[in-house]
């Protein structure tokens, strides 16, 4: 019973992260193909965060990724301003 519950709990936490952090439920697409693509994109981002930040929760991985992206985007903009 405990083994089954642990497996089920892992599935529940993945769905919770997909809904809360990656906004799986916010798909407003009407076509089946667009809905499938939205779900697939959420799953791919979830997998990327797990691989890129294995010691972080999905929410912490998302925040870390965004902070790294923002700082690199600012550095790129500053560099381009200096070059131009």
Protein backbone atom coordinates (compact mmCIF):
# COMPACT_ATOMS: atom_id res chain seq x y z
CA UNK A 1 0.00 0.00 0.00
CA UNK A 2 2.81 2.42 0.88
CA UNK A 3 4.59 1.77 -2.42
CA UNK A 4 1.45 2.45 -4.41
CA UNK A 5 0.75 5.60 -2.45
CA UNK A 6 4.30 6.90 -3.07
CA UNK A 7 3.92 6.31 -6.80
CA UNK A 8 0.54 8.00 -6.82
CA UNK A 9 1.89 10.90 -4.77
CA UNK A 10 4.70 11.43 -7.30
CA UNK A 11 2.13 11.62 -10.09
CA UNK A 12 0.00 14.06 -8.06
CA UNK A 13 2.96 16.35 -7.41
CA UNK A 14 3.87 16.39 -11.11
CA UNK A 15 0.31 17.40 -12.02
CA UNK A 16 0.27 20.03 -9.26
CA UNK A 17 3.51 21.52 -10.58
CA UNK A 18 2.22 21.42 -14.15
CA UNK A 19 -0.92 23.28 -13.11
CA UNK A 20 0.46 25.74 -10.56
CA UNK A 21 3.90 26.56 -11.90
CA UNK A 22 3.69 25.87 -15.63
CA UNK A 23 0.03 26.94 -16.04
CA UNK A 24 -1.21 23.79 -17.75
CA UNK A 25 -4.82 24.74 -17.00
CA UNK A 26 -4.53 28.11 -18.75
CA UNK A 27 -4.87 26.69 -22.24
CA UNK A 28 -7.60 28.56 -24.09
CA UNK A 29 -7.17 26.68 -27.34
CA UNK A 30 -10.23 25.10 -28.87
CA UNK A 31 -8.67 22.70 -31.32
CA UNK A 32 -7.46 19.33 -30.13
CA UNK A 33 -4.09 19.82 -31.85
CA UNK A 34 -3.47 23.14 -30.08
CA UNK A 35 -4.45 21.65 -26.71
CA UNK A 36 -2.12 18.70 -27.33
CA UNK A 37 0.71 21.09 -28.23
CA UNK A 38 0.12 23.09 -25.04
CA UNK A 39 0.24 19.96 -22.88
CA UNK A 40 3.34 18.73 -24.69
CA UNK A 41 5.08 22.09 -24.21
CA UNK A 42 4.30 22.07 -20.47
CA UNK A 43 5.68 18.53 -20.15
CA UNK A 44 8.84 19.46 -22.07
CA UNK A 45 9.45 22.51 -19.89
CA UNK A 46 8.90 20.38 -16.79
CA UNK A 47 11.45 17.86 -18.06
CA UNK A 48 13.91 20.64 -18.95
CA UNK A 49 13.66 22.17 -15.47
CA UNK A 50 14.23 18.78 -13.85
CA UNK A 51 17.29 18.13 -16.00
CA UNK A 52 18.77 21.63 -15.78
CA UNK A 53 18.13 22.13 -12.05
CA UNK A 54 18.03 18.64 -10.48
CA UNK A 55 18.36 19.87 -6.90
CA UNK A 56 15.61 22.50 -7.18
CA UNK A 57 11.85 22.22 -7.01
CA UNK A 58 10.09 23.08 -10.26
CA UNK A 59 9.08 26.48 -8.90
CA UNK A 60 12.64 27.24 -7.75
CA UNK A 61 14.00 26.00 -11.09
CA UNK A 62 11.62 28.32 -12.92
CA UNK A 63 12.69 31.28 -10.80
CA UNK A 64 16.38 30.43 -11.26
CA UNK A 65 15.95 30.09 -15.01
CA UNK A 66 14.11 33.41 -15.26
CA UNK A 67 16.70 35.24 -13.19
CA UNK A 68 19.53 33.81 -15.31
CA UNK A 69 17.66 34.72 -18.50
CA UNK A 70 16.92 38.25 -17.34
CA UNK A 71 20.52 38.92 -16.36
CA UNK A 72 21.87 37.55 -19.65
CA UNK A 73 19.31 39.59 -21.62
CA UNK A 74 20.35 42.73 -19.74
CA UNK A 75 24.03 41.97 -20.39
CA UNK A 76 23.32 41.44 -24.08
CA UNK A 77 21.42 44.72 -24.30
CA UNK A 78 24.24 46.58 -22.52
CA UNK A 79 26.82 45.02 -24.84
CA UNK A 80 24.83 45.95 -27.95
CA UNK A 81 24.43 49.51 -26.68
CA UNK A 82 28.21 49.81 -26.23
CA UNK A 83 28.96 48.37 -29.66
CA UNK A 84 26.48 50.53 -31.55
